[in-house]
């Protein structure tokens, strides 16, 4: 009888590590299968879209010690310091909205279907040439406001006549704000400034 009680007391100490070991083993198997799928996906993406090429004999470099120039270089920052401050201001003060940076007008606006032909192409080209620094969207990803940061030499532009972007965005109901980089709004002013009211 005492042996049965000892077995009942020791059973959890044996069963729990066994269950934990089995669980971890299944997780490792799942992760290795996922890693293999990812590796296959990456390798298939590296395949040349022009198709396989015939094997060519390797040619020795023409000049020893000369390396090919890199095609591109990574930027040190995606946003400059002023843009970073504005991004965090918007993100913190508008938690119920999504904040995106450097968005083209062609991603926000579309040319009406009634406009066709060369005029449509021309309008699309014009939209593709313009970007805004920040776009604020609601949770349904509908743009509600666009923000441009103006350089320090352009405070007069804040009060000047509306530009092309302002007119286009106002026509579609998207609020367009132009802020000076040297006079950013205070935290408590951001919500009312961006959303109005």
Protein backbone atom coordinates (compact mmCIF):
# COMPACT_ATOMS: atom_id res chain seq x y z
CA UNK A 1 0.00 0.00 0.00
CA UNK A 2 2.85 2.37 0.86
CA UNK A 3 4.55 1.54 -2.47
CA UNK A 4 1.41 2.61 -4.35
CA UNK A 5 1.41 5.95 -2.51
CA UNK A 6 5.08 6.47 -3.38
CA UNK A 7 4.31 5.74 -7.04
CA UNK A 8 1.40 8.19 -7.00
CA UNK A 9 3.59 10.89 -5.46
CA UNK A 10 6.48 10.26 -7.90
CA UNK A 11 4.27 9.98 -11.02
CA UNK A 12 4.01 13.77 -11.63
CA UNK A 13 7.80 14.11 -11.27
CA UNK A 14 8.26 11.55 -14.02
CA UNK A 15 5.30 12.43 -16.25
CA UNK A 16 5.86 16.20 -16.43
CA UNK A 17 9.49 16.01 -17.70
CA UNK A 18 8.48 13.35 -20.23
CA UNK A 19 5.61 15.49 -21.52
CA UNK A 20 7.88 18.55 -21.64
CA UNK A 21 10.58 16.64 -23.54
CA UNK A 22 8.00 15.37 -26.05
CA UNK A 23 6.60 18.87 -26.53
CA UNK A 24 10.07 20.38 -27.14
CA UNK A 25 10.90 17.56 -29.60
CA UNK A 26 7.78 18.33 -31.63
CA UNK A 27 8.58 22.07 -31.62
CA UNK A 28 12.13 21.36 -32.87
CA UNK A 29 10.76 19.16 -35.66
CA UNK A 30 8.29 21.84 -36.68
CA UNK A 31 11.00 24.54 -36.65
CA UNK A 32 13.38 22.43 -38.73
CA UNK A 33 10.62 21.74 -41.28
CA UNK A 34 9.80 25.45 -41.38
CA UNK A 35 13.49 26.30 -41.80
CA UNK A 36 13.77 23.83 -44.68
CA UNK A 37 10.71 25.35 -46.40
CA UNK A 38 12.16 28.84 -45.92
CA UNK A 39 15.51 27.71 -47.36
CA UNK A 40 13.77 26.26 -50.43
CA UNK A 41 11.80 29.49 -50.87
CA UNK A 42 14.93 31.64 -50.63
CA UNK A 43 16.84 29.39 -53.02
CA UNK A 44 14.01 29.45 -55.54
CA UNK A 45 13.94 33.27 -55.34
CA UNK A 46 17.65 33.36 -56.19
CA UNK A 47 17.05 31.59 -59.50
CA UNK A 48 17.79 33.87 -62.43
CA UNK A 49 14.46 35.00 -64.00
CA UNK A 50 16.08 34.87 -67.46
CA UNK A 51 16.35 31.11 -67.06
CA UNK A 52 19.30 28.79 -66.63
CA UNK A 53 22.45 29.72 -68.45
CA UNK A 54 24.98 27.43 -69.99
CA UNK A 55 28.06 26.78 -67.95
CA UNK A 56 30.81 29.13 -68.98
CA UNK A 57 34.47 28.75 -68.11
CA UNK A 58 35.45 31.11 -65.33
CA UNK A 59 37.50 34.02 -66.50
CA UNK A 60 40.35 35.36 -64.39
CA UNK A 61 39.89 38.96 -63.28
CA UNK A 62 41.42 41.40 -65.76
CA UNK A 63 43.23 43.42 -63.09
CA UNK A 64 44.34 41.84 -59.86
CA UNK A 65 43.18 43.60 -56.71
CA UNK A 66 40.32 45.47 -58.41
CA UNK A 67 36.93 44.62 -57.02
CA UNK A 68 33.61 45.38 -58.60
CA UNK A 69 31.84 48.44 -57.21
CA UNK A 70 28.76 47.62 -55.18
CA UNK A 71 25.52 48.21 -57.02
CA UNK A 72 23.78 49.88 -54.07
CA UNK A 73 24.53 50.95 -50.54
CA UNK A 74 22.21 50.86 -47.58
CA UNK A 75 21.20 54.22 -46.17
CA UNK A 76 22.29 54.95 -42.65
CA UNK A 77 18.69 55.85 -41.71
CA UNK A 78 15.33 55.45 -43.38
CA UNK A 79 14.14 58.72 -41.81
CA UNK A 80 16.24 61.77 -41.04
CA UNK A 81 16.23 63.07 -37.42
CA UNK A 82 13.34 65.52 -37.91
CA UNK A 83 11.26 62.88 -39.69
CA UNK A 84 12.01 60.40 -36.90
CA UNK A 85 10.73 62.86 -34.28
CA UNK A 86 7.55 63.48 -36.27
CA UNK A 87 7.05 59.74 -36.80
CA UNK A 88 7.25 59.01 -33.07
CA UNK A 89 5.02 61.98 -32.27
CA UNK A 90 2.38 60.68 -34.66
CA UNK A 91 2.75 57.05 -33.57
CA UNK A 92 2.46 57.88 -29.87
CA UNK A 93 -0.29 60.47 -30.09
CA UNK A 94 -2.43 58.59 -32.64
CA UNK A 95 -2.34 54.97 -31.41
CA UNK A 96 -5.69 54.25 -33.08
CA UNK A 97 -4.24 55.14 -36.50
CA UNK A 98 -1.48 53.76 -38.74
CA UNK A 99 1.48 55.96 -39.72
CA UNK A 100 3.37 55.45 -42.99
CA UNK A 101 6.29 57.43 -44.34
CA UNK A 102 7.33 58.52 -47.84
CA UNK A 103 4.17 57.55 -49.69
CA UNK A 104 3.57 58.50 -53.32
CA UNK A 105 0.40 60.31 -54.34
CA UNK A 106 -0.23 57.50 -56.82
CA UNK A 107 -0.72 55.20 -53.78
CA UNK A 108 -3.25 57.58 -52.23
CA UNK A 109 -5.20 58.85 -55.22
CA UNK A 110 -6.49 57.34 -58.41
CA UNK A 111 -7.56 58.86 -61.69
CA UNK A 112 -11.32 58.56 -62.29
CA UNK A 113 -12.32 55.81 -64.73
CA UNK A 114 -14.08 58.41 -66.92
CA UNK A 115 -10.72 59.88 -67.89
CA UNK A 116 -9.10 57.74 -70.57
CA UNK A 117 -6.29 57.84 -73.09
CA UNK A 118 -3.32 60.15 -72.98
CA UNK A 119 -4.89 62.45 -70.39
CA UNK A 120 -5.18 59.51 -67.97
CA UNK A 121 -1.54 58.54 -68.59
CA UNK A 122 -0.43 62.13 -68.07
CA UNK A 123 -2.32 62.42 -64.76
CA UNK A 124 -0.85 59.11 -63.55
CA UNK A 125 2.66 60.32 -64.40
CA UNK A 126 2.08 63.56 -62.48
CA UNK A 127 0.81 61.65 -59.44
CA UNK A 128 3.83 59.33 -59.58
CA UNK A 129 6.17 62.33 -59.35
CA UNK A 130 4.81 63.55 -56.00
CA UNK A 131 5.21 62.07 -52.52
CA UNK A 132 4.19 63.09 -49.03
CA UNK A 133 6.39 62.60 -45.99
CA UNK A 134 3.74 60.93 -43.80
CA UNK A 135 0.30 59.45 -44.30
CA UNK A 136 -2.08 58.80 -41.41
CA UNK A 137 -4.62 56.01 -42.02
CA UNK A 138 -7.45 54.72 -39.90
CA UNK A 139 -7.51 51.02 -38.95
CA UNK A 140 -9.28 50.22 -42.24
CA UNK A 141 -6.16 51.66 -43.97
CA UNK A 142 -8.10 54.58 -45.43
CA UNK A 143 -5.93 57.71 -45.59
CA UNK A 144 -7.26 60.54 -43.46
CA UNK A 145 -4.30 62.95 -43.41
CA UNK A 146 -1.03 63.60 -45.24
CA UNK A 147 1.88 65.55 -43.80
CA UNK A 148 4.79 67.26 -45.55
CA UNK A 149 7.80 68.56 -43.65
CA UNK A 150 9.11 71.80 -45.10
CA UNK A 151 12.73 72.83 -44.98
CA UNK A 152 13.80 75.64 -42.65
CA UNK A 153 13.92 78.13 -45.52
CA UNK A 154 10.27 77.65 -46.43
CA UNK A 155 8.07 78.90 -43.56
CA UNK A 156 6.42 81.32 -45.99
CA UNK A 157 5.11 78.27 -47.87
CA UNK A 158 2.95 77.42 -44.85
CA UNK A 159 0.74 80.42 -45.56
CA UNK A 160 1.11 80.56 -49.34
CA UNK A 161 -1.51 79.45 -51.84
CA UNK A 162 -2.26 75.72 -51.95
CA UNK A 163 0.11 73.68 -54.09
CA UNK A 164 -0.71 70.74 -56.37
CA UNK A 165 -0.62 68.15 -53.56
CA UNK A 166 -2.84 70.21 -51.28
CA UNK A 167 -5.43 70.72 -54.02
CA UNK A 168 -5.48 67.04 -55.01
CA UNK A 169 -5.71 65.79 -51.44
CA UNK A 170 -8.38 68.36 -50.46
CA UNK A 171 -10.45 67.32 -53.47
CA UNK A 172 -10.50 63.72 -52.20
CA UNK A 173 -11.13 64.64 -48.56
CA UNK A 174 -7.64 63.87 -47.25
CA UNK A 175 -6.37 66.56 -44.89
CA UNK A 176 -2.96 67.92 -45.98
CA UNK A 177 -0.66 69.54 -43.44
CA UNK A 178 2.62 71.31 -44.12
CA UNK A 179 4.83 71.55 -41.04
CA UNK A 180 8.09 73.39 -40.64
CA UNK A 181 10.99 71.18 -39.56
CA UNK A 182 12.16 73.88 -37.16
CA UNK A 183 8.76 74.43 -35.48
CA UNK A 184 7.26 71.00 -34.84
CA UNK A 185 3.99 70.83 -32.88
CA UNK A 186 3.88 69.97 -29.18
CA UNK A 187 2.75 66.50 -28.16
CA UNK A 188 -0.62 67.64 -26.84
CA UNK A 189 -1.33 69.52 -30.11
CA UNK A 190 -0.67 66.64 -32.50
CA UNK A 191 -4.05 64.89 -32.42
CA UNK A 192 -6.11 68.04 -32.95
CA UNK A 193 -3.70 69.32 -35.59
CA UNK A 194 -3.67 66.12 -37.64
CA UNK A 195 -7.30 65.04 -37.31
CA UNK A 196 -8.80 68.52 -37.00
CA UNK A 197 -11.22 69.84 -34.44
